[in-house]
Amino acid sequence: SSSSSYSSSSSSSPSSPGKEHAVAAVDATVVDSNASTTTRSAAVLDQSAAALERTLLGWLERLPQDAEYRQGADSLAAVVLSVVLWGRAAWIANHACDDADGTDTDNDTEASSNSTSAPAAAAPPSISVALDTAVSLMGRVVADFVPGYFLRGDTTFLQTQLRRVRLCLWFWDPALAVRLFDDLEIPPAMFAVPWFITLFADVWPIDRVAYVWDALFSVGPPLLTFLAVAVLRAKRDDLMRVGVGFDPATGEEFCNPETGAGAFSTCMQIFSRLNAGERDEMPNVRWCVLKALSMYAQMPRSVVAEELEHEYKDVVLGSGVD
């Protein structure tokens, strides 16, 4: 199965390669801003994990009866929860600044005597409300960007995305497509599954993921295909260089399709390090987003027919990105 590493799980506790940094990101926002750093102990980590688990369980409860937990859901939930808690923390910080500004002015006493009493300050959203918001947002993200995947046995969405990547790479970079798909026989199913199932949340640090999600939410689900193609093009030099050597007599490059097992293994190691979030393999995410927007805006409709019909295309027509 193309999604063998992201198959269903009967366990109720989430687990994936990206969970450690995801829980750490949740921890950074779930702790009260007034708490001493000395209190950030195992109990705090338990609180973060509990918040993540509650978000996942709340989302699962809203799915149909034939839904199931699959690996990758925890990474999506961690990013969603972190964004919601960041928003709550920002609300608290902004109101704290407003209060500080209000108490530091010289005219506070006079102003207060000439005005009616100010309304009581609004209370920040509770953690419970924030978690409920995260559950709702998780449902929307999954429905829009990973449709059907968490329903038992439905891989239609995944297979469609893998087919689109192959098609779009052939259009935008035929040489790289030949190298990967024909010479080395490495289909998108062997490296791109976590990109589509977790929207890169299981691949990159959360600050990079938030940048990618901003673009996805602004343009829409079809952009995901082009983000995958942009990542491949960002790694083009590394992938094309595998199996290429120099003739010591002439000093010229030559391609040794001996490549066989050796080149296949080397390329798969590149993808493995990339999907593990290793900094040395991480592409320039900003470049990838801009390149994806450019390809999306310029892609002829006739190439992919209904595949790329989307109401948000005008968003990027004037981007001017090459």
Protein backbone atom coordinates (compact mmCIF):
# COMPACT_ATOMS: atom_id res chain seq x y z
CA SER A 1 0.00 0.00 0.00
CA SER A 2 1.22 3.48 -0.87
CA SER A 3 0.21 4.66 2.56
CA SER A 4 1.70 1.76 4.48
CA SER A 5 3.60 4.06 6.83
CA TYR A 6 0.45 6.09 7.45
CA SER A 7 -2.04 3.29 7.93
CA SER A 8 -4.85 3.01 10.42
CA SER A 9 -4.07 2.45 14.07
CA SER A 10 -6.14 0.64 16.63
CA SER A 11 -4.38 2.41 19.48
CA SER A 12 -6.17 5.29 21.15
CA SER A 13 -2.93 7.08 21.92
CA PRO A 14 -1.48 9.11 19.03
CA SER A 15 2.05 8.48 17.86
CA SER A 16 4.15 9.63 14.90
CA PRO A 17 7.74 10.69 14.19
CA GLY A 18 6.78 14.34 14.57
CA LYS A 19 4.98 14.11 17.88
CA GLU A 20 7.87 15.11 20.14
CA HIS A 21 8.39 18.56 18.61
CA ALA A 22 4.64 18.94 18.16
CA VAL A 23 3.92 18.34 21.85
CA ALA A 24 6.78 20.66 22.72
CA ALA A 25 5.15 23.37 20.60
CA VAL A 26 1.84 22.84 22.37
CA ASP A 27 3.66 23.00 25.70
CA ALA A 28 5.12 26.39 24.79
CA THR A 29 1.63 27.89 24.62
CA VAL A 30 -0.39 25.87 27.12
CA VAL A 31 1.59 27.05 30.13
CA ASP A 32 0.25 30.19 31.80
CA SER A 33 2.36 33.22 30.91
CA ASN A 34 2.85 34.03 34.61
CA ALA A 35 4.18 30.59 35.53
CA SER A 36 7.76 30.37 36.67
CA THR A 37 10.10 28.44 34.42
CA THR A 38 10.90 26.27 37.41
CA THR A 39 7.36 24.91 37.31
CA ARG A 40 7.66 23.63 33.75
CA SER A 41 8.03 20.06 34.90
CA ALA A 42 6.69 16.66 33.96
CA ALA A 43 3.26 17.83 35.08
CA VAL A 44 3.35 20.56 32.42
CA LEU A 45 4.30 18.05 29.75
CA ASP A 46 1.42 15.88 30.88
CA GLN A 47 -0.88 18.88 30.53
CA SER A 48 0.29 19.46 26.95
CA ALA A 49 -0.17 15.83 26.02
CA ALA A 50 -3.61 15.84 27.64
CA ALA A 51 -4.64 18.90 25.61
CA LEU A 52 -3.50 17.22 22.41
CA GLU A 53 -5.31 14.02 23.32
CA ARG A 54 -8.51 15.90 24.16
CA THR A 55 -8.38 17.68 20.79
CA LEU A 56 -7.94 14.38 18.95
CA LEU A 57 -10.66 12.59 20.88
CA GLY A 58 -13.07 15.51 20.49
CA TRP A 59 -12.50 15.52 16.75
CA LEU A 60 -12.87 11.74 16.46
CA GLU A 61 -16.19 11.87 18.33
CA ARG A 62 -17.59 14.13 15.60
CA LEU A 63 -16.67 11.76 12.77
CA PRO A 64 -19.03 9.13 11.36
CA GLN A 65 -19.14 5.68 12.93
CA ASP A 66 -16.95 4.17 10.20
CA ALA A 67 -14.13 6.65 10.85
CA GLU A 68 -10.86 5.55 12.41
CA TYR A 69 -7.73 7.00 13.90
CA ARG A 70 -4.81 7.01 11.47
CA GLN A 71 -1.25 8.06 11.95
CA GLY A 72 -0.72 11.69 11.02
CA ALA A 73 -3.84 12.97 12.77
CA ASP A 74 -1.79 13.85 15.85
CA SER A 75 0.53 16.08 13.83
CA LEU A 76 -2.41 17.94 12.30
CA ALA A 77 -4.01 18.33 15.71
CA ALA A 78 -0.78 19.60 17.27
CA VAL A 79 -0.46 22.43 14.73
CA VAL A 80 -4.14 23.34 15.02
CA LEU A 81 -3.98 23.33 18.82
CA SER A 82 -0.78 25.38 18.86
CA VAL A 83 -2.29 28.03 16.58
CA VAL A 84 -5.41 28.30 18.76
CA LEU A 85 -3.36 28.55 21.95
CA TRP A 86 -1.01 31.07 20.38
CA GLY A 87 -4.07 33.16 19.60
CA ARG A 88 -5.22 32.91 23.22
CA ALA A 89 -1.75 33.84 24.50
CA ALA A 90 -1.63 36.81 22.12
CA TRP A 91 -5.04 37.98 23.37
CA ILE A 92 -3.81 37.86 26.97
CA ALA A 93 -0.55 39.65 26.10
CA ASN A 94 -2.33 42.40 24.15
CA HIS A 95 -4.77 43.07 26.96
CA ALA A 96 -1.95 43.08 29.49
CA CYS A 97 -0.18 45.74 27.40
CA ASP A 98 -3.37 47.79 27.17
CA ASP A 99 -3.78 47.66 30.94
CA ALA A 100 -0.17 48.68 31.47
CA ASP A 101 -0.51 51.61 29.05
CA GLY A 102 -3.67 52.74 30.80
CA THR A 103 -2.09 52.82 34.24
CA ASP A 104 1.05 54.66 33.20
CA THR A 105 -0.53 57.85 31.84
CA ASP A 106 -0.36 61.05 33.91
CA ASN A 107 -3.97 61.96 33.20
CA ASP A 108 -5.55 58.76 34.48
CA THR A 109 -7.00 60.37 37.60
CA GLU A 110 -8.47 63.35 35.77
CA ALA A 111 -9.80 61.21 32.94
CA SER A 112 -11.47 58.84 35.34
CA SER A 113 -13.19 61.67 37.20
CA ASN A 114 -14.69 63.04 33.97
CA SER A 115 -15.96 59.77 32.59
CA THR A 116 -18.23 57.01 33.58
CA SER A 117 -16.69 53.94 35.11
CA ALA A 118 -15.08 51.70 32.52
CA PRO A 119 -16.63 48.30 31.90
CA ALA A 120 -14.93 45.35 33.50
CA ALA A 121 -12.13 43.88 31.42
CA ALA A 122 -13.18 40.91 29.32
CA ALA A 123 -11.90 37.59 30.53
CA PRO A 124 -9.60 35.65 28.21
CA PRO A 125 -11.02 32.58 26.51
CA SER A 126 -10.69 29.64 28.85
CA ILE A 127 -8.52 26.65 28.01
CA SER A 128 -11.72 24.63 27.66
CA VAL A 129 -13.09 27.05 25.06
CA ALA A 130 -9.76 27.06 23.25
CA LEU A 131 -9.77 23.27 23.05
CA ASP A 132 -13.32 23.26 21.71
CA THR A 133 -12.21 25.76 19.07
CA ALA A 134 -9.27 23.52 18.18
CA VAL A 135 -11.60 20.54 17.75
CA SER A 136 -13.83 22.50 15.37
CA LEU A 137 -10.87 23.83 13.40
CA MET A 138 -9.37 20.34 13.18
CA GLY A 139 -12.60 19.11 11.63
CA ARG A 140 -12.58 21.88 9.05
CA VAL A 141 -8.92 21.36 8.10
CA VAL A 142 -9.41 17.63 7.63
CA ALA A 143 -12.64 18.06 5.66
CA ASP A 144 -11.09 20.61 3.29
CA PHE A 145 -7.55 19.32 2.86
CA VAL A 146 -7.59 15.59 3.74
CA PRO A 147 -11.12 14.61 2.69
CA GLY A 148 -12.18 11.05 3.33
CA TYR A 149 -8.81 9.79 4.46
CA PHE A 150 -9.92 9.10 8.01
CA LEU A 151 -12.96 7.15 6.84
CA ARG A 152 -12.33 3.44 6.78
CA GLY A 153 -10.43 2.32 3.68
CA ASP A 154 -10.94 5.54 1.67
CA THR A 155 -7.66 6.50 -0.03
CA THR A 156 -9.25 8.32 -2.97
CA PHE A 157 -7.87 11.67 -1.84
CA LEU A 158 -4.35 10.29 -1.36
CA GLN A 159 -4.26 8.50 -4.71
CA THR A 160 -5.49 11.63 -6.47
CA GLN A 161 -2.77 13.77 -4.92
CA LEU A 162 -0.04 11.27 -5.82
CA ARG A 163 -1.28 11.18 -9.41
CA ARG A 164 -1.33 14.98 -9.59
CA VAL A 165 2.26 15.27 -8.37
CA ARG A 166 3.48 12.91 -11.06
CA LEU A 167 1.55 14.78 -13.75
CA CYS A 168 2.62 18.26 -12.62
CA LEU A 169 6.29 17.34 -12.26
CA TRP A 170 6.26 15.95 -15.78
CA PHE A 171 4.91 19.30 -16.95
CA TRP A 172 7.24 21.59 -14.98
CA ASP A 173 10.46 19.57 -14.85
CA PRO A 174 10.49 16.65 -17.32
CA ALA A 175 14.16 15.85 -16.68
CA LEU A 176 13.58 15.43 -12.94
CA ALA A 177 10.43 13.41 -13.62
CA VAL A 178 12.36 11.04 -15.90
CA ARG A 179 15.08 10.73 -13.30
CA LEU A 180 12.73 9.87 -10.44
CA PHE A 181 9.92 7.99 -12.11
CA ASP A 182 11.66 6.22 -15.01
CA ASP A 183 15.37 5.85 -14.25
CA LEU A 184 15.11 5.20 -10.52
CA GLU A 185 11.49 4.03 -10.41
CA ILE A 186 10.68 6.09 -7.32
CA PRO A 187 6.97 7.01 -7.45
CA PRO A 188 5.49 9.79 -5.28
CA ALA A 189 3.93 7.13 -3.05
CA MET A 190 7.40 6.33 -1.73
CA PHE A 191 8.11 9.80 -0.33
CA ALA A 192 5.14 12.17 -0.51
CA VAL A 193 2.47 10.44 1.59
CA PRO A 194 3.22 12.37 4.84
CA TRP A 195 3.23 15.63 2.90
CA PHE A 196 -0.41 15.15 1.92
CA ILE A 197 -1.72 13.40 5.01
CA THR A 198 -0.31 15.95 7.48
CA LEU A 199 0.06 19.01 5.22
CA PHE A 200 3.81 18.88 6.02
CA ALA A 201 3.10 19.01 9.77
CA ASP A 202 4.93 15.73 10.33
CA VAL A 203 7.90 16.85 8.22
CA TRP A 204 8.93 20.39 9.18
CA PRO A 205 9.14 22.47 12.38
CA ILE A 206 5.92 24.12 13.37
CA ASP A 207 7.00 27.66 12.40
CA ARG A 208 7.62 26.48 8.82
CA VAL A 209 4.37 24.55 8.80
CA ALA A 210 2.42 27.64 9.88
CA TYR A 211 3.91 29.54 6.92
CA VAL A 212 2.82 26.77 4.53
CA TRP A 213 -0.65 26.60 6.05
CA ASP A 214 -1.11 30.36 5.61
CA ALA A 215 -0.66 29.83 1.87
CA LEU A 216 -2.92 26.78 1.79
CA PHE A 217 -5.72 28.58 3.65
CA SER A 218 -5.41 31.62 1.38
CA VAL A 219 -5.44 29.76 -1.94
CA GLY A 220 -7.16 26.48 -1.25
CA PRO A 221 -6.55 22.70 -1.41
CA PRO A 222 -5.23 22.58 -5.02
CA LEU A 223 -2.10 24.45 -3.92
CA LEU A 224 -0.98 21.37 -1.97
CA THR A 225 -0.04 19.57 -5.20
CA PHE A 226 2.20 22.43 -6.26
CA LEU A 227 3.84 22.68 -2.86
CA ALA A 228 4.90 19.05 -3.24
CA VAL A 229 6.26 19.73 -6.72
CA ALA A 230 8.07 22.83 -5.45
CA VAL A 231 9.78 20.75 -2.74
CA LEU A 232 10.99 18.31 -5.39
CA ARG A 233 12.31 21.16 -7.51
CA ALA A 234 14.03 22.65 -4.47
CA LYS A 235 15.85 19.32 -4.03
CA ARG A 236 16.49 18.99 -7.76
CA ASP A 237 20.27 19.37 -7.71
CA ASP A 238 20.69 16.73 -5.03
CA LEU A 239 18.37 14.27 -6.76
CA MET A 240 19.84 14.79 -10.23
CA ARG A 241 23.41 14.54 -8.98
CA VAL A 242 22.94 10.99 -7.69
CA GLY A 243 24.80 8.60 -9.98
CA VAL A 244 26.61 11.40 -11.80
CA GLY A 245 30.40 11.22 -11.85
CA PHE A 246 33.36 12.75 -13.63
CA ASP A 247 35.49 11.08 -16.25
CA PRO A 248 39.07 11.50 -14.95
CA ALA A 249 40.40 11.49 -18.51
CA THR A 250 38.19 14.25 -19.89
CA GLY A 251 36.96 15.90 -16.71
CA GLU A 252 33.43 15.77 -18.10
CA GLU A 253 30.35 14.68 -16.25
CA PHE A 254 28.76 11.38 -17.08
CA CYS A 255 25.67 9.64 -15.86
CA ASN A 256 26.19 6.09 -14.75
CA PRO A 257 22.86 4.36 -14.81
CA GLU A 258 24.54 1.67 -12.76
CA THR A 259 22.59 3.87 -10.56
CA GLY A 260 20.35 0.92 -9.96
CA ALA A 261 20.30 -0.01 -6.30
CA GLY A 262 22.99 2.49 -5.32
CA ALA A 263 21.25 5.58 -6.71
CA PHE A 264 17.85 4.38 -5.59
CA SER A 265 19.12 3.95 -2.05
CA THR A 266 20.84 7.36 -2.07
CA CYS A 267 17.71 9.15 -3.28
CA MET A 268 15.55 7.38 -0.72
CA GLN A 269 18.00 8.45 2.00
CA ILE A 270 17.57 12.07 0.83
CA PHE A 271 13.79 11.74 1.12
CA SER A 272 14.11 10.00 4.47
CA ARG A 273 16.21 12.83 5.91
CA LEU A 274 13.87 15.40 4.39
CA ASN A 275 10.81 13.75 5.91
CA ALA A 276 12.58 13.47 9.26
CA GLY A 277 12.90 17.25 9.35
CA GLU A 278 16.70 17.32 9.24
CA ARG A 279 17.87 20.90 8.84
CA ASP A 280 20.52 20.04 6.25
CA GLU A 281 17.86 18.59 3.94
CA MET A 282 15.17 21.19 4.57
CA PRO A 283 14.49 23.39 1.54
CA ASN A 284 13.82 27.12 1.69
CA VAL A 285 10.14 26.98 2.64
CA ARG A 286 9.45 30.54 1.53
CA TRP A 287 10.89 29.75 -1.91
CA CYS A 288 8.73 26.62 -2.09
CA VAL A 289 5.56 28.56 -1.28
CA LEU A 290 6.31 31.28 -3.84
CA LYS A 291 7.22 28.71 -6.50
CA ALA A 292 4.03 26.77 -5.78
CA LEU A 293 1.94 29.93 -6.18
CA SER A 294 3.66 30.70 -9.47
CA MET A 295 3.15 27.20 -10.89
CA TYR A 296 -0.45 27.15 -9.75
CA ALA A 297 -1.19 30.47 -11.46
CA GLN A 298 0.47 29.44 -14.73
CA MET A 299 -0.65 25.81 -15.01
CA PRO A 300 -2.75 25.35 -18.17
CA ARG A 301 -6.19 24.08 -17.32
CA SER A 302 -6.03 21.67 -20.27
CA VAL A 303 -3.19 19.73 -18.64
CA VAL A 304 -5.12 18.63 -15.60
CA ALA A 305 -8.70 19.41 -16.68
CA GLU A 306 -11.03 19.42 -13.67
CA GLU A 307 -8.21 18.53 -11.28
CA LEU A 308 -7.28 22.16 -10.66
CA GLU A 309 -10.62 23.93 -10.96
CA HIS A 310 -10.77 26.20 -7.95
CA GLU A 311 -12.43 29.50 -7.17
CA TYR A 312 -9.32 30.99 -5.57
CA LYS A 313 -7.06 31.01 -8.60
CA ASP A 314 -7.33 34.79 -9.04
CA VAL A 315 -5.56 35.20 -5.70
CA VAL A 316 -2.19 34.46 -7.28
CA LEU A 317 -2.62 35.72 -10.85
CA GLY A 318 -0.99 39.03 -9.99
CA SER A 319 1.71 37.69 -7.72
CA GLY A 320 4.51 38.33 -10.23
CA VAL A 321 6.46 35.33 -8.94
CA ASP A 322 8.68 33.65 -11.53
